[in-house]
Amino acid sequence: MAKAIWQDTYITVPIQNSPLKYRIEISGTGEWEDENGVVHNDPPAIFYGKAWAKPTNQTSTDTNYEININKICQDYLSNNIGDFRSVVGLRTVEHPSAAREFVVINDENETVLGRFTFVYDWSYDSSVVYDGTTVMSHPINGRWVDGMYAFRTYYNNGKVKTDISQLPVAGYTEVECSKGEWALYYLNRYGGWDAFLIEGQVVRKDAYTRYNIEKAYNNNFTEFGKQTYNTQIVPSYTITTGWLNDKQSEILAANLFPSTRVFFHRLGTDEVYNVVMNDADATYKNHNNNGRKLINYTINVIASQTQENIN
């Protein structure tokens, strides 16, 4: 059975084997992607280590000591969706780096000390079990309008895949919404991709960083003494959601605000922007703590790509 990468996982080593020289390899011969996005075909040794038992272990009645594995492996898991803008109809994308088997090997005698399959899941939800098929997408309210993309990520037999569709997939329902002009697509804490229709106001604001030069000038003419030669532009957006119930509010606060991968889709022009969440915290609103009022959120995002105006 696979385990979420957030769960502490250990191998047990007899004290008489201290110190233990070991290495960790990614199992299999399939493609894998490193942190720079380069695809490889051979299973690499990702870590070489030497572990000693604590002195307290050696003087007590303990016969074993433990080595943490998941924290070593966590940097070798990811879930990137790629450029989905070319999807027509339905496309299924496999994420080879979202679920991997890691093998711990005694580096002196080549004995396999353990095999562990980890899934890119940072939910800290102990109720999730990766055995058979597990759905990793958790859409906030499942509302979908024409022009949006819909996503459904799932784990199945050691692999993570995402269905990307221009039509509603499982978990989404088409709605009539005259105000739905934008959508957010994001990686949730379970390692699944979700879509969220924005049914409130969206306001754009541009931040400018100006680079100037100063030069000699003749004040008898319209010559510049101080002149801007480059203005860097970083757009940001203040987004107001539609109304949510308590459960939808909890899903949003737990999964959208901490997301590390977010896209902002302007449906009318079909433009998709890479953005970064720009809120420092999130309040888990519900009907009771919100003054028994309807719930909505204000979300702040900032463009991940800087624009330039060069003269």
C-alpha atoms as a PDB file:
ATOM      1  CA  MET A   1       0.000   0.000   0.000  1.00  0.00           C
ATOM      2  CA  ALA A   2       1.267   3.459  -0.898  1.00  0.00           C
ATOM      3  CA  LYS A   3       1.628   6.216   1.682  1.00  0.00           C
ATOM      4  CA  ALA A   4       1.205   9.970   1.540  1.00  0.00           C
ATOM      5  CA  ILE A   5       4.585  11.699   1.538  1.00  0.00           C
ATOM      6  CA  TRP A   6       3.714  13.746   4.647  1.00  0.00           C
ATOM      7  CA  GLN A   7       3.511  10.614   6.811  1.00  0.00           C
ATOM      8  CA  ASP A   8       6.723   9.860   8.704  1.00  0.00           C
ATOM      9  CA  THR A   9       8.061   6.503   7.548  1.00  0.00           C
ATOM     10  CA  TYR A  10      11.039   4.618   8.963  1.00  0.00           C
ATOM     11  CA  ILE A  11      13.166   1.561   8.378  1.00  0.00           C
ATOM     12  CA  THR A  12      14.251  -0.397  11.437  1.00  0.00           C
ATOM     13  CA  VAL A  13      17.914  -1.342  11.758  1.00  0.00           C
ATOM     14  CA  PRO A  14      19.502  -3.685  14.341  1.00  0.00           C
ATOM     15  CA  ILE A  15      21.878  -1.815  16.634  1.00  0.00           C
ATOM     16  CA  GLN A  16      24.722  -4.219  15.827  1.00  0.00           C
ATOM     17  CA  ASN A  17      24.591  -2.879  12.230  1.00  0.00           C
ATOM     18  CA  SER A  18      25.451   0.653  13.377  1.00  0.00           C
ATOM     19  CA  PRO A  19      26.801   2.526  11.524  1.00  0.00           C
ATOM     20  CA  LEU A  20      24.819   1.573   8.440  1.00  0.00           C
ATOM     21  CA  LYS A  21      25.871   2.745   4.990  1.00  0.00           C
ATOM     22  CA  TYR A  22      22.824   2.841   2.736  1.00  0.00           C
ATOM     23  CA  ARG A  23      21.443   4.399  -0.406  1.00  0.00           C
ATOM     24  CA  ILE A  24      17.972   5.136  -1.753  1.00  0.00           C
ATOM     25  CA  GLU A  25      17.021   4.526  -5.373  1.00  0.00           C
ATOM     26  CA  ILE A  26      13.911   5.263  -7.405  1.00  0.00           C
ATOM     27  CA  SER A  27      12.513   1.908  -8.499  1.00  0.00           C
ATOM     28  CA  GLY A  28      11.718   0.971 -12.068  1.00  0.00           C
ATOM     29  CA  THR A  29      13.058   1.833 -15.472  1.00  0.00           C
ATOM     30  CA  GLY A  30      10.341   4.249 -16.550  1.00  0.00           C
ATOM     31  CA  GLU A  31      10.787   7.934 -17.157  1.00  0.00           C
ATOM     32  CA  TRP A  32      11.292  10.249 -14.204  1.00  0.00           C
ATOM     33  CA  GLU A  33      11.541  14.014 -14.029  1.00  0.00           C
ATOM     34  CA  ASP A  34      14.100  15.868 -11.906  1.00  0.00           C
ATOM     35  CA  GLU A  35      13.550  19.208 -10.153  1.00  0.00           C
ATOM     36  CA  ASN A  36      14.651  21.085 -13.292  1.00  0.00           C
ATOM     37  CA  GLY A  37      12.054  19.379 -15.466  1.00  0.00           C
ATOM     38  CA  VAL A  38      14.615  17.193 -17.272  1.00  0.00           C
ATOM     39  CA  VAL A  39      13.278  13.727 -18.130  1.00  0.00           C
ATOM     40  CA  HIS A  40      15.527  10.699 -17.437  1.00  0.00           C
ATOM     41  CA  ASN A  41      15.114   6.997 -18.146  1.00  0.00           C
ATOM     42  CA  ASP A  42      17.444   5.240 -15.708  1.00  0.00           C
ATOM     43  CA  PRO A  43      16.581   4.807 -12.004  1.00  0.00           C
ATOM     44  CA  PRO A  44      18.924   7.068 -10.042  1.00  0.00           C
ATOM     45  CA  ALA A  45      20.391   6.705  -6.604  1.00  0.00           C
ATOM     46  CA  ILE A  46      18.958   9.831  -5.012  1.00  0.00           C
ATOM     47  CA  PHE A  47      20.704   9.553  -1.653  1.00  0.00           C
ATOM     48  CA  TYR A  48      23.778   8.016  -0.011  1.00  0.00           C
ATOM     49  CA  GLY A  49      23.795   7.998   3.773  1.00  0.00           C
ATOM     50  CA  LYS A  50      25.475   6.656   6.873  1.00  0.00           C
ATOM     51  CA  ALA A  51      23.363   6.243   9.994  1.00  0.00           C
ATOM     52  CA  TRP A  52      24.519   5.636  13.574  1.00  0.00           C
ATOM     53  CA  ALA A  53      22.425   4.486  16.491  1.00  0.00           C
ATOM     54  CA  LYS A  54      22.094   7.119  19.213  1.00  0.00           C
ATOM     55  CA  PRO A  55      24.379   6.579  22.220  1.00  0.00           C
ATOM     56  CA  THR A  56      21.225   6.235  24.319  1.00  0.00           C
ATOM     57  CA  ASN A  57      20.156   3.319  22.135  1.00  0.00           C
ATOM     58  CA  GLN A  58      23.466   1.571  22.610  1.00  0.00           C
ATOM     59  CA  THR A  59      23.343   1.774  26.413  1.00  0.00           C
ATOM     60  CA  SER A  60      19.664   0.800  26.777  1.00  0.00           C
ATOM     61  CA  THR A  61      17.775  -2.410  26.215  1.00  0.00           C
ATOM     62  CA  ASP A  62      16.787  -1.287  22.706  1.00  0.00           C
ATOM     63  CA  THR A  63      17.883  -3.688  20.002  1.00  0.00           C
ATOM     64  CA  ASN A  64      16.990  -1.516  16.991  1.00  0.00           C
ATOM     65  CA  TYR A  65      17.129   2.064  15.791  1.00  0.00           C
ATOM     66  CA  GLU A  66      15.196   3.858  13.046  1.00  0.00           C
ATOM     67  CA  ILE A  67      16.003   5.906   9.931  1.00  0.00           C
ATOM     68  CA  ASN A  68      13.458   8.338   8.528  1.00  0.00           C
ATOM     69  CA  ILE A  69      12.827   7.765   4.807  1.00  0.00           C
ATOM     70  CA  ASN A  70       9.994  10.021   3.642  1.00  0.00           C
ATOM     71  CA  LYS A  71      11.825  13.293   4.350  1.00  0.00           C
ATOM     72  CA  ILE A  72      14.669  12.151   2.088  1.00  0.00           C
ATOM     73  CA  CYS A  73      12.262  11.153  -0.688  1.00  0.00           C
ATOM     74  CA  GLN A  74       9.939  14.177  -0.573  1.00  0.00           C
ATOM     75  CA  ASP A  75      12.056  16.330  -2.904  1.00  0.00           C
ATOM     76  CA  TYR A  76      11.672  13.734  -5.661  1.00  0.00           C
ATOM     77  CA  LEU A  77       7.886  13.949  -5.887  1.00  0.00           C
ATOM     78  CA  SER A  78       5.926  16.574  -7.806  1.00  0.00           C
ATOM     79  CA  ASN A  79       2.743  17.006  -9.811  1.00  0.00           C
ATOM     80  CA  ASN A  80       2.936  19.280 -12.837  1.00  0.00           C
ATOM     81  CA  ILE A  81      -0.024  19.590 -15.185  1.00  0.00           C
ATOM     82  CA  GLY A  82       1.866  20.909 -18.220  1.00  0.00           C
ATOM     83  CA  ASP A  83       0.284  23.187 -20.818  1.00  0.00           C
ATOM     84  CA  PHE A  84      -3.365  22.122 -20.855  1.00  0.00           C
ATOM     85  CA  ARG A  85      -4.518  24.927 -23.160  1.00  0.00           C
ATOM     86  CA  SER A  86      -4.291  22.675 -26.206  1.00  0.00           C
ATOM     87  CA  VAL A  87      -6.716  20.106 -24.768  1.00  0.00           C
ATOM     88  CA  VAL A  88      -9.682  19.439 -27.029  1.00  0.00           C
ATOM     89  CA  GLY A  89     -12.405  17.226 -25.597  1.00  0.00           C
ATOM     90  CA  LEU A  90     -10.792  14.927 -23.026  1.00  0.00           C
ATOM     91  CA  ARG A  91      -7.130  14.178 -22.335  1.00  0.00           C
ATOM     92  CA  THR A  92      -5.635  11.959 -19.643  1.00  0.00           C
ATOM     93  CA  VAL A  93      -2.234  13.062 -18.347  1.00  0.00           C
ATOM     94  CA  GLU A  94       0.006  10.767 -16.323  1.00  0.00           C
ATOM     95  CA  HIS A  95       2.182  12.255 -13.572  1.00  0.00           C
ATOM     96  CA  PRO A  96       5.232   9.950 -13.267  1.00  0.00           C
ATOM     97  CA  SER A  97       6.695  12.023 -10.436  1.00  0.00           C
ATOM     98  CA  ALA A  98       3.515  12.076  -8.317  1.00  0.00           C
ATOM     99  CA  ALA A  99       3.787   8.455  -7.136  1.00  0.00           C
ATOM    100  CA  ARG A 100       7.081   6.568  -6.941  1.00  0.00           C
ATOM    101  CA  GLU A 101       8.534   3.486  -5.357  1.00  0.00           C
ATOM    102  CA  PHE A 102      11.764   4.079  -3.441  1.00  0.00           C
ATOM    103  CA  VAL A 103      14.141   1.258  -2.560  1.00  0.00           C
ATOM    104  CA  VAL A 104      16.440   1.403   0.475  1.00  0.00           C
ATOM    105  CA  ILE A 105      19.593  -0.685  -0.049  1.00  0.00           C
ATOM    106  CA  ASN A 106      22.443  -1.659   2.244  1.00  0.00           C
ATOM    107  CA  ASP A 107      25.347  -0.061   0.402  1.00  0.00           C
ATOM    108  CA  GLU A 108      27.868  -2.634   1.689  1.00  0.00           C
ATOM    109  CA  ASN A 109      26.171  -5.954   0.891  1.00  0.00           C
ATOM    110  CA  GLU A 110      23.406  -4.813  -1.554  1.00  0.00           C
ATOM    111  CA  THR A 111      20.629  -6.161   0.687  1.00  0.00           C
ATOM    112  CA  VAL A 112      17.248  -4.509   0.103  1.00  0.00           C
ATOM    113  CA  LEU A 113      16.165  -3.019   3.425  1.00  0.00           C
ATOM    114  CA  GLY A 114      12.758  -1.821   2.315  1.00  0.00           C
ATOM    115  CA  ARG A 115      10.505  -0.690  -0.521  1.00  0.00           C
ATOM    116  CA  PHE A 116       8.184   2.289  -0.092  1.00  0.00           C
ATOM    117  CA  THR A 117       5.703   3.838  -2.512  1.00  0.00           C
ATOM    118  CA  PHE A 118       5.029   7.483  -1.716  1.00  0.00           C
ATOM    119  CA  VAL A 119       2.318   9.688  -3.199  1.00  0.00           C
ATOM    120  CA  TYR A 120       2.552  13.460  -3.626  1.00  0.00           C
ATOM    121  CA  ASP A 121      -0.001  14.221  -0.908  1.00  0.00           C
ATOM    122  CA  TRP A 122       0.534  17.000   1.673  1.00  0.00           C
ATOM    123  CA  SER A 123      -2.999  16.923   3.085  1.00  0.00           C
ATOM    124  CA  TYR A 124      -2.139  15.587   6.557  1.00  0.00           C
ATOM    125  CA  ASP A 125      -5.420  13.687   6.251  1.00  0.00           C
ATOM    126  CA  SER A 126      -4.891  10.308   7.897  1.00  0.00           C
ATOM    127  CA  SER A 127      -8.227   8.997   6.594  1.00  0.00           C
ATOM    128  CA  VAL A 128      -6.926   8.827   3.001  1.00  0.00           C
ATOM    129  CA  VAL A 129      -5.874   5.341   1.924  1.00  0.00           C
ATOM    130  CA  TYR A 130      -3.897   4.709  -1.263  1.00  0.00           C
ATOM    131  CA  ASP A 131      -5.030   1.196  -2.062  1.00  0.00           C
ATOM    132  CA  GLY A 132      -6.717   0.512  -5.389  1.00  0.00           C
ATOM    133  CA  THR A 133      -8.229   3.721  -6.769  1.00  0.00           C
ATOM    134  CA  THR A 134      -8.196   6.940  -4.727  1.00  0.00           C
ATOM    135  CA  VAL A 135      -9.598  10.230  -6.042  1.00  0.00           C
ATOM    136  CA  MET A 136      -7.236  13.114  -5.244  1.00  0.00           C
ATOM    137  CA  SER A 137      -9.334  15.972  -6.655  1.00  0.00           C
ATOM    138  CA  HIS A 138     -11.588  17.831  -4.217  1.00  0.00           C
ATOM    139  CA  PRO A 139     -13.399  20.619  -6.110  1.00  0.00           C
ATOM    140  CA  ILE A 140     -14.767  23.390  -3.916  1.00  0.00           C
ATOM    141  CA  ASN A 141     -18.304  23.436  -5.274  1.00  0.00           C
ATOM    142  CA  GLY A 142     -18.083  21.704  -8.658  1.00  0.00           C
ATOM    143  CA  ARG A 143     -19.722  24.582 -10.521  1.00  0.00           C
ATOM    144  CA  TRP A 144     -18.727  24.666 -14.192  1.00  0.00           C
ATOM    145  CA  VAL A 145     -19.576  26.897 -17.148  1.00  0.00           C
ATOM    146  CA  ASP A 146     -18.869  26.615 -20.847  1.00  0.00           C
ATOM    147  CA  GLY A 147     -15.276  27.623 -21.617  1.00  0.00           C
ATOM    148  CA  MET A 148     -13.822  26.243 -18.375  1.00  0.00           C
ATOM    149  CA  TYR A 149     -11.601  23.227 -18.018  1.00  0.00           C
ATOM    150  CA  ALA A 150     -12.445  20.501 -15.506  1.00  0.00           C
ATOM    151  CA  PHE A 151      -9.920  18.240 -13.757  1.00  0.00           C
ATOM    152  CA  ARG A 152     -10.091  14.889 -12.011  1.00  0.00           C
ATOM    153  CA  THR A 153      -6.875  13.491 -10.508  1.00  0.00           C
ATOM    154  CA  TYR A 154      -6.732   9.955  -9.150  1.00  0.00           C
ATOM    155  CA  TYR A 155      -4.290   7.328  -7.896  1.00  0.00           C
ATOM    156  CA  ASN A 156      -4.584   3.848  -9.354  1.00  0.00           C
ATOM    157  CA  ASN A 157      -2.194   0.922  -8.890  1.00  0.00           C
ATOM    158  CA  GLY A 158       0.924   2.982  -8.310  1.00  0.00           C
ATOM    159  CA  LYS A 159       0.208   5.705 -10.871  1.00  0.00           C
ATOM    160  CA  VAL A 160      -1.319   9.176 -10.648  1.00  0.00           C
ATOM    161  CA  LYS A 161      -3.310  10.512 -13.606  1.00  0.00           C
ATOM    162  CA  THR A 162      -5.462  13.558 -14.337  1.00  0.00           C
ATOM    163  CA  ASP A 163      -8.417  13.702 -16.700  1.00  0.00           C
ATOM    164  CA  ILE A 164      -8.536  17.182 -18.275  1.00  0.00           C
ATOM    165  CA  SER A 165     -11.754  18.027 -20.056  1.00  0.00           C
ATOM    166  CA  GLN A 166     -13.566  20.868 -21.771  1.00  0.00           C
ATOM    167  CA  LEU A 167     -16.773  19.309 -20.461  1.00  0.00           C
ATOM    168  CA  PRO A 168     -17.797  18.568 -16.861  1.00  0.00           C
ATOM    169  CA  VAL A 169     -16.128  15.442 -15.450  1.00  0.00           C
ATOM    170  CA  ALA A 170     -17.105  13.601 -12.258  1.00  0.00           C
ATOM    171  CA  GLY A 171     -17.480  16.124  -9.436  1.00  0.00           C
ATOM    172  CA  TYR A 172     -18.624  19.030 -11.661  1.00  0.00           C
ATOM    173  CA  THR A 173     -22.048  20.281 -12.731  1.00  0.00           C
ATOM    174  CA  GLU A 174     -22.775  22.756 -15.515  1.00  0.00           C
ATOM    175  CA  VAL A 175     -24.519  25.903 -14.286  1.00  0.00           C
ATOM    176  CA  GLU A 176     -25.976  29.026 -15.828  1.00  0.00           C
ATOM    177  CA  CYS A 177     -23.918  31.923 -14.490  1.00  0.00           C
ATOM    178  CA  SER A 178     -23.812  35.326 -16.149  1.00  0.00           C
ATOM    179  CA  LYS A 179     -21.139  36.501 -13.675  1.00  0.00           C
ATOM    180  CA  GLY A 180     -18.733  33.595 -14.180  1.00  0.00           C
ATOM    181  CA  GLU A 181     -16.054  35.234 -16.325  1.00  0.00           C
ATOM    182  CA  TRP A 182     -12.969  33.788 -14.598  1.00  0.00           C
ATOM    183  CA  ALA A 183     -11.813  30.447 -13.186  1.00  0.00           C
ATOM    184  CA  LEU A 184      -8.953  29.283 -10.986  1.00  0.00           C
ATOM    185  CA  TYR A 185      -7.183  25.967 -11.593  1.00  0.00           C
ATOM    186  CA  TYR A 186      -4.932  24.786  -8.791  1.00  0.00           C
ATOM    187  CA  LEU A 187      -3.065  21.899  -7.203  1.00  0.00           C
ATOM    188  CA  ASN A 188      -4.722  20.990  -3.921  1.00  0.00           C
ATOM    189  CA  ARG A 189      -3.009  19.586  -0.810  1.00  0.00           C
ATOM    190  CA  TYR A 190      -3.980  16.022  -1.728  1.00  0.00           C
ATOM    191  CA  GLY A 191      -1.918  16.310  -4.897  1.00  0.00           C
ATOM    192  CA  GLY A 192      -4.962  16.608  -7.159  1.00  0.00           C
ATOM    193  CA  TRP A 193      -5.925  19.306  -9.653  1.00  0.00           C
ATOM    194  CA  ASP A 194      -9.175  21.248  -9.193  1.00  0.00           C
ATOM    195  CA  ALA A 195     -11.157  23.986 -10.953  1.00  0.00           C
ATOM    196  CA  PHE A 196     -13.079  26.780  -9.237  1.00  0.00           C
ATOM    197  CA  LEU A 197     -15.463  29.153 -11.007  1.00  0.00           C
ATOM    198  CA  ILE A 198     -15.143  32.780  -9.859  1.00  0.00           C
ATOM    199  CA  GLU A 199     -18.638  34.276  -9.533  1.00  0.00           C
ATOM    200  CA  GLY A 200     -17.716  37.577  -7.892  1.00  0.00           C
ATOM    201  CA  GLN A 201     -15.763  40.650  -8.888  1.00  0.00           C
ATOM    202  CA  VAL A 202     -12.193  40.568 -10.219  1.00  0.00           C
ATOM    203  CA  VAL A 203     -10.047  43.718 -10.013  1.00  0.00           C
ATOM    204  CA  ARG A 204      -6.628  44.012 -11.645  1.00  0.00           C
ATOM    205  CA  LYS A 205      -3.847  46.228 -10.318  1.00  0.00           C
ATOM    206  CA  ASP A 206      -0.372  46.658 -11.864  1.00  0.00           C
ATOM    207  CA  ALA A 207       2.748  47.279  -9.767  1.00  0.00           C
ATOM    208  CA  TYR A 208       5.582  49.156 -11.504  1.00  0.00           C
ATOM    209  CA  THR A 209       9.315  49.038 -10.933  1.00  0.00           C
ATOM    210  CA  ARG A 210      11.014  51.790 -12.933  1.00  0.00           C
ATOM    211  CA  TYR A 211      14.662  51.903 -13.976  1.00  0.00           C
ATOM    212  CA  ASN A 212      15.913  55.369 -14.899  1.00  0.00           C
ATOM    213  CA  ILE A 213      19.030  56.949 -16.360  1.00  0.00           C
ATOM    214  CA  GLU A 214      20.181  60.554 -16.109  1.00  0.00           C
ATOM    215  CA  LYS A 215      22.017  62.309 -18.898  1.00  0.00           C
ATOM    216  CA  ALA A 216      23.036  65.789 -19.977  1.00  0.00           C
ATOM    217  CA  TYR A 217      20.327  67.861 -21.606  1.00  0.00           C
ATOM    218  CA  ASN A 218      19.762  71.204 -23.249  1.00  0.00           C
ATOM    219  CA  ASN A 219      16.842  72.955 -21.604  1.00  0.00           C
ATOM    220  CA  ASN A 220      16.161  74.934 -24.747  1.00  0.00           C
ATOM    221  CA  PHE A 221      14.741  71.760 -26.248  1.00  0.00           C
ATOM    222  CA  THR A 222      12.389  68.964 -25.169  1.00  0.00           C
ATOM    223  CA  GLU A 223      15.246  66.708 -24.141  1.00  0.00           C
ATOM    224  CA  PHE A 224      15.067  64.267 -21.243  1.00  0.00           C
ATOM    225  CA  GLY A 225      17.491  64.636 -18.362  1.00  0.00           C
ATOM    226  CA  LYS A 226      16.011  61.795 -16.354  1.00  0.00           C
ATOM    227  CA  GLN A 227      14.486  59.071 -18.458  1.00  0.00           C
ATOM    228  CA  THR A 228      12.873  55.692 -17.782  1.00  0.00           C
ATOM    229  CA  TYR A 229      14.464  53.001 -19.925  1.00  0.00           C
ATOM    230  CA  ASN A 230      12.669  49.981 -18.451  1.00  0.00           C
ATOM    231  CA  THR A 231       9.392  49.615 -16.593  1.00  0.00           C
ATOM    232  CA  GLN A 232       8.740  46.201 -15.096  1.00  0.00           C
ATOM    233  CA  ILE A 233       5.066  45.402 -14.646  1.00  0.00           C
ATOM    234  CA  VAL A 234       3.655  42.825 -12.245  1.00  0.00           C
ATOM    235  CA  PRO A 235      -0.137  42.429 -12.485  1.00  0.00           C
ATOM    236  CA  SER A 236      -2.085  41.357  -9.417  1.00  0.00           C
ATOM    237  CA  TYR A 237      -5.752  40.468  -9.003  1.00  0.00           C
ATOM    238  CA  THR A 238      -8.182  40.841  -6.135  1.00  0.00           C
ATOM    239  CA  ILE A 239     -10.794  38.105  -6.543  1.00  0.00           C
ATOM    240  CA  THR A 240     -14.154  37.826  -4.809  1.00  0.00           C
ATOM    241  CA  THR A 241     -15.770  34.404  -4.749  1.00  0.00           C
ATOM    242  CA  GLY A 242     -19.441  33.550  -4.955  1.00  0.00           C
ATOM    243  CA  TRP A 243     -21.416  32.345  -1.938  1.00  0.00           C
ATOM    244  CA  LEU A 244     -20.256  29.131  -0.257  1.00  0.00           C
ATOM    245  CA  ASN A 245     -21.616  26.782   2.381  1.00  0.00           C
ATOM    246  CA  ASP A 246     -19.587  25.619   5.381  1.00  0.00           C
ATOM    247  CA  LYS A 247     -18.127  22.542   3.678  1.00  0.00           C
ATOM    248  CA  GLN A 248     -17.168  24.434   0.523  1.00  0.00           C
ATOM    249  CA  SER A 249     -15.570  27.145   2.661  1.00  0.00           C
ATOM    250  CA  GLU A 250     -13.448  24.566   4.471  1.00  0.00           C
ATOM    251  CA  ILE A 251     -12.260  22.988   1.206  1.00  0.00           C
ATOM    252  CA  LEU A 252     -11.302  26.399  -0.194  1.00  0.00           C
ATOM    253  CA  ALA A 253      -9.409  27.546   2.896  1.00  0.00           C
ATOM    254  CA  ALA A 254      -7.534  24.254   3.245  1.00  0.00           C
ATOM    255  CA  ASN A 255      -6.621  23.697  -0.407  1.00  0.00           C
ATOM    256  CA  LEU A 256      -6.666  26.866  -2.514  1.00  0.00           C
ATOM    257  CA  PHE A 257      -4.899  29.356  -0.233  1.00  0.00           C
ATOM    258  CA  PRO A 258      -1.781  27.177   0.359  1.00  0.00           C
ATOM    259  CA  SER A 259      -1.571  25.956  -3.248  1.00  0.00           C
ATOM    260  CA  THR A 260       1.834  26.083  -4.922  1.00  0.00           C
ATOM    261  CA  ARG A 261       0.509  25.778  -8.508  1.00  0.00           C
ATOM    262  CA  VAL A 262      -2.278  28.126  -9.630  1.00  0.00           C
ATOM    263  CA  PHE A 263      -3.599  29.225 -13.022  1.00  0.00           C
ATOM    264  CA  PHE A 264      -6.083  32.063 -13.620  1.00  0.00           C
ATOM    265  CA  HIS A 265      -8.312  31.683 -16.677  1.00  0.00           C
ATOM    266  CA  ARG A 266     -10.143  34.586 -18.292  1.00  0.00           C
ATOM    267  CA  LEU A 267     -12.958  32.731 -19.997  1.00  0.00           C
ATOM    268  CA  GLY A 268     -14.077  35.453 -22.392  1.00  0.00           C
ATOM    269  CA  THR A 269     -10.678  35.785 -24.072  1.00  0.00           C
ATOM    270  CA  ASP A 270      -9.434  32.266 -23.254  1.00  0.00           C
ATOM    271  CA  GLU A 271      -6.253  33.694 -21.698  1.00  0.00           C
ATOM    272  CA  VAL A 272      -4.577  31.622 -18.966  1.00  0.00           C
ATOM    273  CA  TYR A 273      -2.138  33.249 -16.538  1.00  0.00           C
ATOM    274  CA  ASN A 274       0.318  31.616 -14.143  1.00  0.00           C
ATOM    275  CA  VAL A 275      -0.250  33.238 -10.748  1.00  0.00           C
ATOM    276  CA  VAL A 276       0.999  32.966  -7.174  1.00  0.00           C
ATOM    277  CA  MET A 277      -1.214  33.103  -4.108  1.00  0.00           C
ATOM    278  CA  ASN A 278      -0.473  36.336  -2.249  1.00  0.00           C
ATOM    279  CA  ASP A 279      -2.462  35.930   0.981  1.00  0.00           C
ATOM    280  CA  ALA A 280      -0.480  35.432   4.193  1.00  0.00           C
ATOM    281  CA  ASP A 281      -3.234  33.526   5.993  1.00  0.00           C
ATOM    282  CA  ALA A 282      -6.714  32.075   5.598  1.00  0.00           C
ATOM    283  CA  THR A 283      -9.693  32.186   7.951  1.00  0.00           C
ATOM    284  CA  TYR A 284     -11.860  29.079   8.009  1.00  0.00           C
ATOM    285  CA  LYS A 285     -15.250  30.752   7.816  1.00  0.00           C
ATOM    286  CA  ASN A 286     -18.517  29.087   8.681  1.00  0.00           C
ATOM    287  CA  HIS A 287     -22.086  30.199   9.248  1.00  0.00           C
ATOM    288  CA  ASN A 288     -21.581  30.592  12.999  1.00  0.00           C
ATOM    289  CA  ASN A 289     -18.241  32.435  13.111  1.00  0.00           C
ATOM    290  CA  ASN A 290     -19.232  34.647  10.167  1.00  0.00           C
ATOM    291  CA  GLY A 291     -22.074  36.336  12.030  1.00  0.00           C
ATOM    292  CA  ARG A 292     -24.603  33.831  10.638  1.00  0.00           C
ATOM    293  CA  LYS A 293     -24.109  35.451   7.234  1.00  0.00           C
ATOM    294  CA  LEU A 294     -23.490  33.918   3.838  1.00  0.00           C
ATOM    295  CA  ILE A 295     -19.837  33.062   3.233  1.00  0.00           C
ATOM    296  CA  ASN A 296     -17.536  34.357   0.541  1.00  0.00           C
ATOM    297  CA  TYR A 297     -13.804  35.059   0.312  1.00  0.00           C
ATOM    298  CA  THR A 298     -11.466  37.692  -1.060  1.00  0.00           C
ATOM    299  CA  ILE A 299      -8.439  36.091  -2.719  1.00  0.00           C
ATOM    300  CA  ASN A 300      -5.288  37.916  -3.782  1.00  0.00           C
ATOM    301  CA  VAL A 301      -3.032  36.543  -6.508  1.00  0.00           C
ATOM    302  CA  ILE A 302      -0.006  37.984  -8.255  1.00  0.00           C
ATOM    303  CA  ALA A 303       1.288  37.170 -11.735  1.00  0.00           C
ATOM    304  CA  SER A 304       4.274  34.825 -11.730  1.00  0.00           C
ATOM    305  CA  GLN A 305       5.663  36.323 -14.939  1.00  0.00           C
ATOM    306  CA  THR A 306       6.969  39.893 -14.972  1.00  0.00           C
ATOM    307  CA  GLN A 307       6.151  42.023 -18.005  1.00  0.00           C
ATOM    308  CA  GLU A 308       8.512  44.677 -19.340  1.00  0.00           C
ATOM    309  CA  ASN A 309       8.179  47.939 -21.252  1.00  0.00           C
ATOM    310  CA  ILE A 310      11.648  48.798 -22.606  1.00  0.00           C
ATOM    311  CA  ASN A 311      12.598  51.992 -24.385  1.00  0.00           C
END
